[in-house]
Protein backbone atom coordinates (compact mmCIF):
# COMPACT_ATOMS: atom_id res chain seq x y z
CA UNK A 1 -29.42 67.72 11.54
CA UNK A 2 -32.26 66.53 9.21
CA UNK A 3 -32.28 69.35 6.60
CA UNK A 4 -31.14 72.11 9.13
CA UNK A 5 -27.59 72.05 8.10
CA UNK A 6 -27.69 74.39 5.42
CA UNK A 7 -29.47 77.03 7.51
CA UNK A 8 -26.91 76.80 10.37
CA UNK A 9 -24.05 76.92 8.10
CA UNK A 10 -25.51 79.96 6.40
CA UNK A 11 -25.65 81.61 9.79
CA UNK A 12 -22.08 80.49 10.65
CA UNK A 13 -20.80 81.62 7.60
CA UNK A 14 -22.10 85.22 7.82
CA UNK A 15 -20.56 85.01 11.33
CA UNK A 16 -17.11 84.20 10.06
CA UNK A 17 -16.96 87.19 7.95
CA UNK A 18 -14.20 89.57 8.90
CA UNK A 19 -12.88 87.57 11.82
CA UNK A 20 -9.45 86.61 12.42
CA UNK A 21 -10.34 84.22 15.62
CA UNK A 22 -13.49 82.12 15.72
CA UNK A 23 -14.50 79.72 18.73
CA UNK A 24 -17.39 77.45 18.20
CA UNK A 25 -19.09 75.46 20.92
CA UNK A 26 -21.41 72.51 20.48
CA UNK A 27 -23.33 71.18 23.41
CA UNK A 28 -24.43 67.63 22.49
CA UNK A 29 -21.89 66.34 20.03
CA UNK A 30 -23.41 62.80 19.85
CA UNK A 31 -21.62 60.99 16.67
CA UNK A 32 -19.65 64.22 15.75
CA UNK A 33 -21.31 64.95 12.32
CA UNK A 34 -22.44 68.52 12.92
CA UNK A 35 -18.86 68.96 14.71
CA UNK A 36 -16.81 67.71 11.91
CA UNK A 37 -18.92 69.55 9.14
CA UNK A 38 -18.32 73.16 11.20
CA UNK A 39 -14.74 72.07 11.51
CA UNK A 40 -14.36 71.63 7.96
CA UNK A 41 -15.64 74.79 6.99
CA UNK A 42 -13.63 76.36 9.56
CA UNK A 43 -10.16 74.84 8.26
CA UNK A 44 -11.10 76.57 4.88
CA UNK A 45 -11.03 79.79 6.43
CA UNK A 46 -7.22 81.14 5.26
CA UNK A 47 -5.17 83.09 7.98
CA UNK A 48 -8.28 82.61 10.69
CA UNK A 49 -7.26 81.01 14.11
CA UNK A 50 -10.22 78.74 15.23
CA UNK A 51 -11.06 76.30 18.02
CA UNK A 52 -14.14 73.91 18.50
CA UNK A 53 -15.38 72.87 21.68
CA UNK A 54 -17.52 69.94 22.25
CA UNK A 55 -19.56 69.18 25.48
CA UNK A 56 -21.35 65.72 26.04
CA UNK A 57 -22.05 63.37 28.45
CA UNK A 58 -19.53 60.48 28.88
CA UNK A 59 -22.36 57.96 28.64
CA UNK A 60 -24.53 59.94 26.67
CA UNK A 61 -27.00 57.97 24.56
CA UNK A 62 -25.37 59.02 21.28
CA UNK A 63 -21.85 59.87 22.05
CA UNK A 64 -19.37 57.88 20.07
CA UNK A 65 -15.83 58.63 21.42
CA UNK A 66 -14.14 56.71 18.04
CA UNK A 67 -15.88 59.08 15.60
CA UNK A 68 -14.89 61.97 17.80
CA UNK A 69 -11.31 60.90 18.48
CA UNK A 70 -10.90 60.64 14.49
CA UNK A 71 -12.02 64.18 14.36
CA UNK A 72 -9.78 65.16 17.01
CA UNK A 73 -6.74 63.61 15.24
CA UNK A 74 -7.66 65.29 11.98
CA UNK A 75 -8.01 68.73 13.21
CA UNK A 76 -5.13 68.45 15.61
CA UNK A 77 -5.05 70.83 18.73
CA UNK A 78 -8.23 72.71 17.29
CA UNK A 79 -10.93 70.49 19.06
CA UNK A 80 -11.68 70.00 22.92
CA UNK A 81 -14.26 67.75 24.13
CA UNK A 82 -15.42 68.11 27.73
CA UNK A 83 -17.44 65.25 28.89
CA UNK A 84 -19.45 66.29 31.70
CA UNK A 85 -22.83 67.70 31.89
CA UNK A 86 -23.28 71.16 30.40
CA UNK A 87 -23.76 72.92 33.68
CA UNK A 88 -20.57 71.71 35.13
CA UNK A 89 -18.56 72.14 31.83
CA UNK A 90 -19.95 75.66 31.51
CA UNK A 91 -19.68 76.88 35.14
CA UNK A 92 -16.33 78.19 34.90
CA UNK A 93 -16.13 79.11 31.14
CA UNK A 94 -14.07 81.93 30.05
CA UNK A 95 -13.68 81.52 26.26
CA UNK A 96 -15.40 84.12 24.13
CA UNK A 97 -17.68 82.33 21.56
CA UNK A 98 -18.62 83.43 18.11
CA UNK A 99 -21.21 80.38 17.46
CA UNK A 100 -22.93 77.91 19.66
CA UNK A 101 -25.14 74.90 18.92
CA UNK A 102 -27.48 73.92 21.67
CA UNK A 103 -28.03 70.47 21.03
CA UNK A 104 -27.90 68.26 24.02
CA UNK A 105 -31.07 67.77 26.26
CA UNK A 106 -33.94 69.24 24.33
CA UNK A 107 -36.02 69.57 27.48
CA UNK A 108 -37.35 73.21 28.14
CA UNK A 109 -35.57 73.67 31.04
CA UNK A 110 -32.27 72.27 30.02
CA UNK A 111 -32.48 74.16 26.65
CA UNK A 112 -32.99 77.47 28.79
CA UNK A 113 -30.45 77.12 31.03
CA UNK A 114 -27.83 76.10 28.26
CA UNK A 115 -28.51 79.07 26.64
CA UNK A 116 -28.27 81.15 29.91
CA UNK A 117 -24.83 79.80 30.64
CA UNK A 118 -23.50 80.68 27.06
CA UNK A 119 -25.07 83.90 26.72
CA UNK A 120 -22.54 86.14 28.63
CA UNK A 121 -19.90 84.46 26.75
CA UNK A 122 -21.31 85.01 23.02
CA UNK A 123 -19.23 87.94 21.56
CA UNK A 124 -21.20 91.02 19.82
CA UNK A 125 -22.48 89.73 16.39
CA UNK A 126 -22.04 86.04 17.44
CA UNK A 127 -25.06 83.37 17.18
CA UNK A 128 -26.64 80.74 19.18
CA UNK A 129 -28.67 77.88 17.45
CA UNK A 130 -31.21 75.42 19.13
CA UNK A 131 -31.60 72.35 17.36
CA UNK A 132 -34.74 70.24 17.42
CA UNK A 133 -36.94 73.60 17.64
CA UNK A 134 -39.46 72.32 14.76
CA UNK A 135 -43.24 72.74 15.98
CA UNK A 136 -43.87 69.18 15.02
CA UNK A 137 -41.27 67.64 17.49
CA UNK A 138 -42.30 69.63 20.60
CA UNK A 139 -43.89 67.48 23.36
CA UNK A 140 -42.40 64.19 21.70
CA UNK A 141 -39.14 62.29 21.98
CA UNK A 142 -38.82 61.78 25.83
CA UNK A 143 -35.31 62.82 26.92
CA UNK A 144 -33.31 59.94 28.27
CA UNK A 145 -31.74 61.38 31.07
CA UNK A 146 -34.68 63.39 32.82
CA UNK A 147 -37.79 61.62 31.29
CA UNK A 148 -39.17 64.82 30.00
CA UNK A 149 -40.06 65.59 26.26
CA UNK A 150 -38.77 67.97 23.66
CA UNK A 151 -39.70 71.39 24.66
CA UNK A 152 -37.10 73.84 23.14
CA UNK A 153 -39.85 76.31 21.67
CA UNK A 154 -41.30 76.69 25.23
CA UNK A 155 -37.61 77.65 26.18
CA UNK A 156 -37.10 80.15 23.23
CA UNK A 157 -40.66 81.63 24.28
CA UNK A 158 -39.65 82.01 27.86
CA UNK A 159 -36.08 83.43 26.97
CA UNK A 160 -38.15 85.79 24.63
CA UNK A 161 -35.88 84.82 21.67
CA UNK A 162 -38.74 83.69 19.67
CA UNK A 163 -40.31 86.84 19.75
CA UNK A 164 -36.99 88.82 19.34
CA UNK A 165 -37.93 90.50 22.69
CA UNK A 166 -34.80 89.56 24.80
CA UNK A 167 -32.28 92.59 25.01
CA UNK A 168 -29.47 92.16 22.80
CA UNK A 169 -30.86 89.52 20.76
CA UNK A 170 -32.45 89.23 17.16
CA UNK A 171 -33.74 86.16 15.67
CA UNK A 172 -31.77 85.15 12.21
CA UNK A 173 -33.89 81.85 11.34
CA UNK A 174 -36.69 79.80 12.66
CA UNK A 175 -36.44 76.84 10.20
CA UNK A 176 -39.28 74.40 10.27
CA UNK A 177 -38.39 71.28 8.53
CA UNK A 178 -41.87 70.32 6.51
CA UNK A 179 -40.53 67.09 5.45
CA UNK A 180 -39.12 65.75 8.61
CA UNK A 181 -39.36 66.15 12.32
CA UNK A 182 -36.28 68.55 12.71
CA UNK A 183 -36.11 72.34 13.10
CA UNK A 184 -33.69 74.81 13.91
CA UNK A 185 -33.77 78.45 15.38
CA UNK A 186 -30.92 80.69 15.21
CA UNK A 187 -30.54 84.00 17.11
CA UNK A 188 -27.70 86.62 16.98
CA UNK A 189 -26.43 88.95 19.66
CA UNK A 190 -26.64 92.75 18.41
C-alpha cells in the first residue's frame, strides 16, 4: 500500500484490543499483499477467533489466484474469497465486520457504494479504510472497468466522512503520502 500500511495496521491493532472475535473484509484483494499482512497480524492474536474475507473480480486486472490460494492454504479455513463484483458479493452480506479495506474500484461512485454496502455490518468501534485517498492521485489512474478516474476523496466528501459529519462515524486518519502517490483514509464507527 505504498507507505500506507503502517497507518492501516495501527488502526486495526487498536480495533483488535479486547476482542475475542474479529472479521476482516478486503474489497479488491489484487495480489494478496495486504490480505496476507492482515492475516499475519490476526494470527498472532492468542485466543482470538478471526476470519478474513476478500472480494475481487474474477478477471480483475491485478487479481492473482496463485498468491491468494497460497494464503488460503497457509491460513486454512480462515480466508474466504468471493470472486464477483462487490455489489453482488455484499447484496446478502450478514457477517459483522470489525475492519474493512475499500481498495477495489477507486472511482467516486464505486467507493461510495462500497462504503454504503458495508456500513450496516460494521460493529461499534470497527473501522473502514479507503486506499488511494491521497490528494495527489485524485483525477488520475483511469479505472479499467468503467473508464473513470480515481475519485475517493469526492466519495468521502459526499459521504460526509472527510468532515467527520456522518452520524455515527469519526475520522481516525487521513494519511497523505508526500513521497508517493498513495494515501489512506480511516474512519471508525462510534
